[in-house]
Amino acid sequence: MNRIIFAAVAATAIATPAFAQDASSTSFEGARIGANIGFADDHIFGTESFTYGVEAGYDFNLGGAVAGATVELQDSKDLDREIALTGRVGAKVGSNALVYGVAGYSNLKAYGYKFDGFRLGAGVEFAPTKNMFVKVEQRYGNYEAGVDLWQSVVGVGVRF
């Protein structure tokens, strides 16, 4: 999984300078929707599987920082679904990048059982255009009954 994260970060870092030529400075403010794909490593059965999801959120520009909230629905082959409501706080890096952390509530449903817990994560978001974003994010979920979940995702979305 670490190789996947490294490859995603490297690909994004290589592609970002090309995107930056066409991008104008972004404020990272406003409503946003997006989709993501990646890998989930659950510690229920010790399996790693493909995961995908959709998200909607809103961010506030606080000068050099950004704060916001996100609601997300995630699914995978081995897990029925995960619903998360998280807050995020980040710092702008240059005119088109945001480094951020996330934390919040998450509910996992797997094999007919539901588990309440929390999600922590960190990511980097790039704005190749004023209204588009791409991101790389690493997440950790801790749930009832000692259930843990790691996710590595890349995503793309639009900001309104």
N, C-alpha and C. Protein backbone atom coordinates (compact mmCIF):
# COMPACT_ATOMS: atom_id res chain seq x y z
N MET A 1 0.83 -1.19 0.00
CA MET A 1 0.00 0.00 0.00
C MET A 1 0.87 1.25 0.00
N ASN A 2 1.99 1.21 0.68
CA ASN A 2 2.87 2.38 0.70
C ASN A 2 3.36 2.72 -0.70
N ARG A 3 3.57 1.69 -1.55
CA ARG A 3 4.00 1.94 -2.92
C ARG A 3 2.91 2.67 -3.70
N ILE A 4 1.65 2.32 -3.43
CA ILE A 4 0.54 2.97 -4.11
C ILE A 4 0.49 4.45 -3.72
N ILE A 5 0.63 4.73 -2.43
CA ILE A 5 0.61 6.11 -1.96
C ILE A 5 1.76 6.89 -2.60
N PHE A 6 2.97 6.31 -2.59
CA PHE A 6 4.12 6.98 -3.17
C PHE A 6 3.90 7.25 -4.65
N ALA A 7 3.37 6.27 -5.39
CA ALA A 7 3.14 6.44 -6.83
C ALA A 7 2.11 7.54 -7.09
N ALA A 8 1.05 7.58 -6.29
CA ALA A 8 0.02 8.61 -6.48
C ALA A 8 0.57 10.00 -6.19
N VAL A 9 1.35 10.13 -5.11
CA VAL A 9 1.93 11.43 -4.77
C VAL A 9 2.92 11.86 -5.85
N ALA A 10 3.74 10.92 -6.32
CA ALA A 10 4.73 11.25 -7.36
C ALA A 10 4.06 11.67 -8.65
N ALA A 11 3.01 10.95 -9.06
CA ALA A 11 2.30 11.31 -10.30
C ALA A 11 1.66 12.68 -10.19
N THR A 12 1.08 12.97 -9.04
CA THR A 12 0.46 14.28 -8.83
C THR A 12 1.51 15.38 -8.84
N ALA A 13 2.64 15.14 -8.20
CA ALA A 13 3.71 16.15 -8.15
C ALA A 13 4.27 16.43 -9.54
N ILE A 14 4.37 15.39 -10.37
CA ILE A 14 4.88 15.58 -11.72
C ILE A 14 3.89 16.34 -12.58
N ALA A 15 2.58 16.02 -12.43
CA ALA A 15 1.54 16.63 -13.26
C ALA A 15 1.22 18.06 -12.85
N THR A 16 1.43 18.40 -11.60
CA THR A 16 1.03 19.72 -11.10
C THR A 16 1.68 20.89 -11.82
N PRO A 17 2.97 20.89 -12.12
CA PRO A 17 3.54 22.04 -12.83
C PRO A 17 2.88 22.28 -14.19
N ALA A 18 2.51 21.22 -14.89
CA ALA A 18 1.85 21.41 -16.18
C ALA A 18 0.48 22.04 -16.00
N PHE A 19 -0.26 21.58 -15.00
CA PHE A 19 -1.57 22.17 -14.71
C PHE A 19 -1.43 23.62 -14.28
N ALA A 20 -0.41 23.92 -13.51
CA ALA A 20 -0.26 25.25 -12.92
C ALA A 20 -0.11 26.34 -13.97
N GLN A 21 0.36 25.99 -15.16
CA GLN A 21 0.53 26.98 -16.21
C GLN A 21 -0.81 27.60 -16.61
N ASP A 22 -1.90 26.80 -16.55
CA ASP A 22 -3.22 27.28 -16.94
C ASP A 22 -4.07 27.73 -15.77
N ALA A 23 -3.64 27.45 -14.58
CA ALA A 23 -4.48 27.73 -13.41
C ALA A 23 -4.27 29.16 -12.92
N SER A 24 -5.36 29.76 -12.51
CA SER A 24 -5.25 31.04 -11.83
C SER A 24 -5.30 30.74 -10.34
N SER A 25 -4.90 31.68 -9.54
CA SER A 25 -4.88 31.47 -8.10
C SER A 25 -6.27 31.13 -7.59
N THR A 26 -6.35 30.15 -6.71
CA THR A 26 -7.64 29.74 -6.17
C THR A 26 -7.72 30.09 -4.69
N SER A 27 -8.93 30.35 -4.23
CA SER A 27 -9.13 30.68 -2.82
C SER A 27 -9.50 29.45 -2.00
N PHE A 28 -9.77 28.31 -2.67
CA PHE A 28 -10.23 27.10 -2.00
C PHE A 28 -11.48 27.37 -1.18
N GLU A 29 -12.35 28.23 -1.66
CA GLU A 29 -13.55 28.60 -0.93
C GLU A 29 -14.78 28.22 -1.73
N GLY A 30 -15.83 27.78 -1.02
CA GLY A 30 -17.11 27.51 -1.65
C GLY A 30 -17.49 26.05 -1.60
N ALA A 31 -18.63 25.75 -2.23
CA ALA A 31 -19.14 24.38 -2.29
C ALA A 31 -18.30 23.56 -3.26
N ARG A 32 -18.20 22.25 -2.97
CA ARG A 32 -17.45 21.36 -3.84
C ARG A 32 -18.08 19.98 -3.84
N ILE A 33 -17.94 19.29 -4.95
CA ILE A 33 -18.33 17.88 -5.03
C ILE A 33 -17.19 17.13 -5.70
N GLY A 34 -17.07 15.85 -5.39
CA GLY A 34 -15.99 15.09 -5.98
C GLY A 34 -16.20 13.60 -5.89
N ALA A 35 -15.31 12.87 -6.52
CA ALA A 35 -15.31 11.41 -6.49
C ALA A 35 -13.88 10.96 -6.23
N ASN A 36 -13.75 9.79 -5.59
CA ASN A 36 -12.42 9.27 -5.32
C ASN A 36 -12.37 7.76 -5.50
N ILE A 37 -11.17 7.26 -5.73
CA ILE A 37 -10.91 5.83 -5.82
C ILE A 37 -9.63 5.54 -5.06
N GLY A 38 -9.46 4.30 -4.66
CA GLY A 38 -8.24 3.94 -3.96
C GLY A 38 -8.30 2.52 -3.43
N PHE A 39 -7.58 2.31 -2.33
CA PHE A 39 -7.53 1.00 -1.70
C PHE A 39 -7.87 1.13 -0.23
N ALA A 40 -8.62 0.15 0.27
CA ALA A 40 -8.98 0.09 1.68
C ALA A 40 -8.38 -1.17 2.28
N ASP A 41 -7.79 -1.05 3.45
CA ASP A 41 -7.22 -2.18 4.17
C ASP A 41 -7.99 -2.29 5.48
N ASP A 42 -8.94 -3.25 5.53
CA ASP A 42 -9.74 -3.38 6.75
C ASP A 42 -9.09 -4.40 7.68
N HIS A 43 -9.25 -4.16 8.94
CA HIS A 43 -8.73 -5.08 9.95
C HIS A 43 -9.84 -5.90 10.56
N ILE A 44 -10.92 -6.09 9.78
CA ILE A 44 -11.97 -7.02 10.20
C ILE A 44 -11.55 -8.42 9.78
N PHE A 45 -11.27 -8.56 8.49
CA PHE A 45 -10.83 -9.85 7.95
C PHE A 45 -9.42 -9.79 7.39
N GLY A 46 -8.76 -8.64 7.53
CA GLY A 46 -7.39 -8.49 7.05
C GLY A 46 -7.28 -8.46 5.54
N THR A 47 -8.27 -7.89 4.89
CA THR A 47 -8.26 -7.86 3.43
C THR A 47 -7.99 -6.45 2.92
N GLU A 48 -7.46 -6.38 1.72
CA GLU A 48 -7.27 -5.10 1.04
C GLU A 48 -8.10 -5.14 -0.23
N SER A 49 -8.87 -4.08 -0.46
CA SER A 49 -9.75 -4.08 -1.63
C SER A 49 -9.84 -2.70 -2.25
N PHE A 50 -10.31 -2.68 -3.48
CA PHE A 50 -10.57 -1.44 -4.21
C PHE A 50 -11.71 -0.71 -3.51
N THR A 51 -11.61 0.62 -3.40
CA THR A 51 -12.66 1.42 -2.79
C THR A 51 -12.96 2.63 -3.67
N TYR A 52 -14.18 3.11 -3.60
CA TYR A 52 -14.61 4.26 -4.39
C TYR A 52 -15.68 5.02 -3.61
N GLY A 53 -15.83 6.30 -3.92
CA GLY A 53 -16.81 7.09 -3.18
C GLY A 53 -17.09 8.43 -3.80
N VAL A 54 -18.07 9.11 -3.21
CA VAL A 54 -18.44 10.47 -3.60
C VAL A 54 -18.46 11.34 -2.36
N GLU A 55 -18.25 12.64 -2.56
CA GLU A 55 -18.23 13.58 -1.44
C GLU A 55 -18.83 14.91 -1.84
N ALA A 56 -19.31 15.63 -0.85
CA ALA A 56 -19.77 17.00 -1.02
C ALA A 56 -19.29 17.78 0.20
N GLY A 57 -18.92 19.03 -0.02
CA GLY A 57 -18.41 19.81 1.10
C GLY A 57 -18.46 21.30 0.83
N TYR A 58 -18.07 22.04 1.84
CA TYR A 58 -18.00 23.50 1.74
C TYR A 58 -16.78 23.95 2.51
N ASP A 59 -15.99 24.86 1.92
CA ASP A 59 -14.79 25.39 2.55
C ASP A 59 -14.88 26.90 2.70
N PHE A 60 -14.25 27.40 3.76
CA PHE A 60 -14.17 28.83 4.03
C PHE A 60 -12.71 29.26 3.93
N ASN A 61 -12.46 30.35 3.22
CA ASN A 61 -11.12 30.91 3.10
C ASN A 61 -10.86 31.80 4.31
N LEU A 62 -9.82 31.48 5.07
CA LEU A 62 -9.47 32.25 6.27
C LEU A 62 -8.14 32.97 6.08
N GLY A 63 -7.90 33.45 4.88
CA GLY A 63 -6.61 34.08 4.58
C GLY A 63 -5.63 33.04 4.10
N GLY A 64 -4.63 32.71 4.91
CA GLY A 64 -3.66 31.68 4.55
C GLY A 64 -4.13 30.28 4.89
N ALA A 65 -5.27 30.17 5.56
CA ALA A 65 -5.79 28.87 5.97
C ALA A 65 -7.18 28.65 5.36
N VAL A 66 -7.60 27.39 5.38
CA VAL A 66 -8.92 27.00 4.88
C VAL A 66 -9.53 26.07 5.91
N ALA A 67 -10.83 26.24 6.20
CA ALA A 67 -11.56 25.35 7.09
C ALA A 67 -12.87 24.98 6.41
N GLY A 68 -13.31 23.74 6.61
CA GLY A 68 -14.54 23.33 5.96
C GLY A 68 -15.09 22.03 6.53
N ALA A 69 -16.16 21.56 5.90
CA ALA A 69 -16.82 20.32 6.30
C ALA A 69 -17.11 19.49 5.05
N THR A 70 -17.12 18.17 5.24
CA THR A 70 -17.36 17.25 4.12
C THR A 70 -18.26 16.11 4.59
N VAL A 71 -19.19 15.71 3.73
CA VAL A 71 -19.96 14.49 3.93
C VAL A 71 -19.58 13.55 2.79
N GLU A 72 -19.41 12.27 3.12
CA GLU A 72 -18.88 11.34 2.12
C GLU A 72 -19.54 9.97 2.25
N LEU A 73 -19.74 9.34 1.12
CA LEU A 73 -20.21 7.96 1.04
C LEU A 73 -19.15 7.15 0.31
N GLN A 74 -18.60 6.15 0.98
CA GLN A 74 -17.51 5.33 0.43
C GLN A 74 -17.99 3.89 0.38
N ASP A 75 -17.55 3.13 -0.61
CA ASP A 75 -17.93 1.73 -0.78
C ASP A 75 -16.71 0.94 -1.22
N SER A 76 -16.75 -0.37 -1.02
CA SER A 76 -15.68 -1.23 -1.50
C SER A 76 -16.20 -2.65 -1.65
N LYS A 77 -15.37 -3.50 -2.19
CA LYS A 77 -15.76 -4.89 -2.43
C LYS A 77 -16.07 -5.61 -1.12
N ASP A 78 -15.27 -5.40 -0.09
CA ASP A 78 -15.42 -6.14 1.16
C ASP A 78 -16.30 -5.45 2.19
N LEU A 79 -16.50 -4.13 2.08
CA LEU A 79 -17.32 -3.39 3.03
C LEU A 79 -18.58 -2.90 2.34
N ASP A 80 -19.71 -2.98 3.03
CA ASP A 80 -20.96 -2.55 2.42
C ASP A 80 -20.96 -1.06 2.12
N ARG A 81 -20.53 -0.26 3.11
CA ARG A 81 -20.43 1.19 2.90
C ARG A 81 -19.85 1.85 4.13
N GLU A 82 -19.37 3.07 3.91
CA GLU A 82 -18.90 3.91 5.01
C GLU A 82 -19.46 5.31 4.77
N ILE A 83 -20.07 5.88 5.78
CA ILE A 83 -20.57 7.25 5.72
C ILE A 83 -19.73 8.07 6.70
N ALA A 84 -19.21 9.19 6.23
CA ALA A 84 -18.36 10.02 7.10
C ALA A 84 -18.80 11.47 7.04
N LEU A 85 -18.77 12.13 8.18
CA LEU A 85 -19.00 13.57 8.30
C LEU A 85 -17.77 14.13 9.00
N THR A 86 -16.94 14.85 8.23
CA THR A 86 -15.67 15.31 8.78
C THR A 86 -15.49 16.81 8.59
N GLY A 87 -14.65 17.37 9.44
CA GLY A 87 -14.19 18.73 9.28
C GLY A 87 -12.78 18.68 8.74
N ARG A 88 -12.37 19.75 8.09
CA ARG A 88 -10.99 19.80 7.62
C ARG A 88 -10.43 21.19 7.81
N VAL A 89 -9.12 21.23 8.10
CA VAL A 89 -8.40 22.47 8.26
C VAL A 89 -7.10 22.32 7.48
N GLY A 90 -6.78 23.36 6.70
CA GLY A 90 -5.59 23.26 5.88
C GLY A 90 -4.86 24.58 5.73
N ALA A 91 -3.67 24.47 5.18
CA ALA A 91 -2.85 25.65 4.91
C ALA A 91 -2.55 25.69 3.42
N LYS A 92 -2.68 26.88 2.83
CA LYS A 92 -2.36 27.05 1.42
C LYS A 92 -0.85 26.98 1.23
N VAL A 93 -0.47 26.32 0.15
CA VAL A 93 0.93 26.23 -0.23
C VAL A 93 1.02 26.78 -1.64
N GLY A 94 1.62 27.93 -1.79
CA GLY A 94 1.62 28.59 -3.09
C GLY A 94 0.22 29.09 -3.42
N SER A 95 -0.08 29.23 -4.69
CA SER A 95 -1.40 29.75 -5.07
C SER A 95 -2.39 28.67 -5.45
N ASN A 96 -1.93 27.40 -5.61
CA ASN A 96 -2.84 26.37 -6.11
C ASN A 96 -2.75 25.04 -5.36
N ALA A 97 -2.24 25.03 -4.14
CA ALA A 97 -2.15 23.79 -3.38
C ALA A 97 -2.62 24.01 -1.95
N LEU A 98 -3.15 22.96 -1.37
CA LEU A 98 -3.66 22.99 -0.01
C LEU A 98 -3.22 21.71 0.68
N VAL A 99 -2.55 21.83 1.83
CA VAL A 99 -2.21 20.69 2.67
C VAL A 99 -3.19 20.72 3.83
N TYR A 100 -3.86 19.59 4.11
CA TYR A 100 -4.93 19.63 5.10
C TYR A 100 -4.99 18.36 5.94
N GLY A 101 -5.68 18.49 7.05
CA GLY A 101 -5.99 17.36 7.92
C GLY A 101 -7.49 17.26 8.07
N VAL A 102 -8.00 16.05 8.29
CA VAL A 102 -9.43 15.82 8.47
C VAL A 102 -9.66 15.05 9.76
N ALA A 103 -10.82 15.27 10.37
CA ALA A 103 -11.23 14.52 11.55
C ALA A 103 -12.74 14.58 11.65
N GLY A 104 -13.35 13.49 12.10
CA GLY A 104 -14.79 13.51 12.28
C GLY A 104 -15.39 12.14 12.51
N TYR A 105 -16.71 12.10 12.45
CA TYR A 105 -17.50 10.90 12.70
C TYR A 105 -17.56 10.02 11.46
N SER A 106 -17.58 8.72 11.67
CA SER A 106 -17.72 7.78 10.56
C SER A 106 -18.55 6.59 11.02
N ASN A 107 -19.36 6.06 10.11
CA ASN A 107 -20.16 4.88 10.39
C ASN A 107 -19.87 3.86 9.30
N LEU A 108 -19.47 2.68 9.71
CA LEU A 108 -19.08 1.62 8.80
C LEU A 108 -20.10 0.49 8.86
N LYS A 109 -20.52 -0.01 7.70
CA LYS A 109 -21.39 -1.17 7.64
C LYS A 109 -20.66 -2.27 6.88
N ALA A 110 -20.47 -3.42 7.54
CA ALA A 110 -19.77 -4.53 6.92
C ALA A 110 -20.43 -5.84 7.32
N TYR A 111 -20.78 -6.64 6.33
CA TYR A 111 -21.36 -7.96 6.56
C TYR A 111 -22.57 -7.91 7.49
N GLY A 112 -23.41 -6.89 7.32
CA GLY A 112 -24.64 -6.75 8.09
C GLY A 112 -24.49 -6.09 9.45
N TYR A 113 -23.28 -5.75 9.86
CA TYR A 113 -23.04 -5.10 11.15
C TYR A 113 -22.67 -3.64 10.91
N LYS A 114 -23.12 -2.78 11.82
CA LYS A 114 -22.78 -1.36 11.76
C LYS A 114 -21.86 -1.01 12.92
N PHE A 115 -20.85 -0.19 12.61
CA PHE A 115 -19.88 0.22 13.61
C PHE A 115 -19.75 1.74 13.59
N ASP A 116 -19.91 2.39 14.76
CA ASP A 116 -19.66 3.82 14.88
C ASP A 116 -18.19 4.04 15.21
N GLY A 117 -17.65 5.16 14.72
CA GLY A 117 -16.26 5.45 15.03
C GLY A 117 -15.86 6.83 14.56
N PHE A 118 -14.57 7.03 14.38
CA PHE A 118 -14.06 8.32 13.93
C PHE A 118 -13.06 8.10 12.82
N ARG A 119 -12.87 9.14 12.03
CA ARG A 119 -11.90 9.13 10.93
C ARG A 119 -10.89 10.25 11.16
N LEU A 120 -9.63 9.96 10.94
CA LEU A 120 -8.55 10.94 10.91
C LEU A 120 -7.85 10.79 9.58
N GLY A 121 -7.35 11.88 9.04
CA GLY A 121 -6.65 11.78 7.77
C GLY A 121 -5.84 13.02 7.46
N ALA A 122 -5.08 12.91 6.38
CA ALA A 122 -4.29 14.03 5.89
C ALA A 122 -4.22 13.92 4.38
N GLY A 123 -4.12 15.08 3.73
CA GLY A 123 -4.06 15.05 2.28
C GLY A 123 -3.47 16.31 1.68
N VAL A 124 -3.34 16.25 0.37
CA VAL A 124 -2.88 17.39 -0.42
C VAL A 124 -3.87 17.57 -1.56
N GLU A 125 -4.33 18.79 -1.74
CA GLU A 125 -5.27 19.11 -2.82
C GLU A 125 -4.61 20.13 -3.74
N PHE A 126 -4.71 19.88 -5.04
CA PHE A 126 -4.17 20.79 -6.05
C PHE A 126 -5.33 21.33 -6.87
N ALA A 127 -5.23 22.58 -7.31
CA ALA A 127 -6.24 23.21 -8.15
C ALA A 127 -5.63 23.48 -9.53
N PRO A 128 -5.76 22.54 -10.48
CA PRO A 128 -5.21 22.77 -11.81
C PRO A 128 -5.93 23.89 -12.55
N THR A 129 -7.19 24.14 -12.21
CA THR A 129 -7.94 25.30 -12.69
C THR A 129 -8.66 25.90 -11.49
N LYS A 130 -9.26 27.04 -11.67
CA LYS A 130 -9.93 27.71 -10.55
C LYS A 130 -11.07 26.87 -9.97
N ASN A 131 -11.76 26.09 -10.81
CA ASN A 131 -12.93 25.36 -10.34
C ASN A 131 -12.73 23.85 -10.26
N MET A 132 -11.55 23.35 -10.52
CA MET A 132 -11.29 21.91 -10.47
C MET A 132 -10.25 21.61 -9.41
N PHE A 133 -10.37 20.44 -8.78
CA PHE A 133 -9.34 20.02 -7.84
C PHE A 133 -9.03 18.54 -8.01
N VAL A 134 -7.80 18.18 -7.68
CA VAL A 134 -7.36 16.79 -7.57
C VAL A 134 -6.73 16.65 -6.20
N LYS A 135 -6.86 15.45 -5.61
CA LYS A 135 -6.34 15.27 -4.27
C LYS A 135 -5.76 13.89 -4.07
N VAL A 136 -4.89 13.78 -3.08
CA VAL A 136 -4.34 12.53 -2.59
C VAL A 136 -4.56 12.56 -1.09
N GLU A 137 -5.13 11.47 -0.54
CA GLU A 137 -5.48 11.48 0.88
C GLU A 137 -5.23 10.12 1.51
N GLN A 138 -4.70 10.12 2.72
CA GLN A 138 -4.52 8.92 3.53
C GLN A 138 -5.45 9.05 4.73
N ARG A 139 -6.22 7.98 5.03
CA ARG A 139 -7.21 8.04 6.11
C ARG A 139 -7.08 6.84 7.05
N TYR A 140 -7.48 7.08 8.29
CA TYR A 140 -7.55 6.01 9.28
C TYR A 140 -8.90 6.11 9.98
N GLY A 141 -9.60 4.99 10.08
CA GLY A 141 -10.87 4.93 10.81
C GLY A 141 -10.75 3.96 11.96
N ASN A 142 -11.24 4.36 13.12
CA ASN A 142 -11.25 3.50 14.30
C ASN A 142 -12.70 3.34 14.74
N TYR A 143 -13.14 2.09 14.88
CA TYR A 143 -14.55 1.79 15.13
C TYR A 143 -14.72 0.91 16.36
N GLU A 144 -15.99 0.74 16.75
CA GLU A 144 -16.33 -0.14 17.86
C GLU A 144 -15.79 -1.55 17.60
N ALA A 145 -15.68 -2.32 18.65
CA ALA A 145 -15.26 -3.72 18.60
C ALA A 145 -13.84 -3.89 18.05
N GLY A 146 -13.02 -2.84 18.14
CA GLY A 146 -11.63 -2.93 17.71
C GLY A 146 -11.42 -2.98 16.21
N VAL A 147 -12.39 -2.50 15.45
CA VAL A 147 -12.29 -2.51 13.99
C VAL A 147 -11.52 -1.27 13.53
N ASP A 148 -10.51 -1.48 12.70
CA ASP A 148 -9.71 -0.41 12.11
C ASP A 148 -9.84 -0.45 10.60
N LEU A 149 -9.68 0.69 9.95
CA LEU A 149 -9.75 0.76 8.50
C LEU A 149 -8.76 1.82 8.01
N TRP A 150 -7.88 1.44 7.09
CA TRP A 150 -6.97 2.37 6.44
C TRP A 150 -7.41 2.53 5.00
N GLN A 151 -7.40 3.75 4.49
CA GLN A 151 -7.74 4.01 3.10
C GLN A 151 -6.71 4.97 2.48
N SER A 152 -6.31 4.65 1.26
CA SER A 152 -5.46 5.53 0.45
C SER A 152 -6.25 5.84 -0.80
N VAL A 153 -6.58 7.12 -1.01
CA VAL A 153 -7.43 7.48 -2.14
C VAL A 153 -6.84 8.66 -2.94
N VAL A 154 -7.21 8.69 -4.20
CA VAL A 154 -6.98 9.86 -5.04
C VAL A 154 -8.35 10.30 -5.53
N GLY A 155 -8.53 11.59 -5.71
CA GLY A 155 -9.84 12.08 -6.11
C GLY A 155 -9.77 13.26 -7.04
N VAL A 156 -10.91 13.56 -7.63
CA VAL A 156 -11.06 14.70 -8.52
C VAL A 156 -12.44 15.30 -8.28
N GLY A 157 -12.56 16.61 -8.45
CA GLY A 157 -13.84 17.24 -8.22
C GLY A 157 -13.91 18.65 -8.77
N VAL A 158 -15.06 19.27 -8.55
CA VAL A 158 -15.28 20.63 -8.98
C VAL A 158 -15.73 21.47 -7.79
N ARG A 159 -15.35 22.74 -7.87
CA ARG A 159 -15.72 23.72 -6.84
C ARG A 159 -16.61 24.77 -7.51
N PHE A 160 -17.66 25.16 -6.79
CA PHE A 160 -18.63 26.12 -7.33
C PHE A 160 -18.42 27.50 -6.76
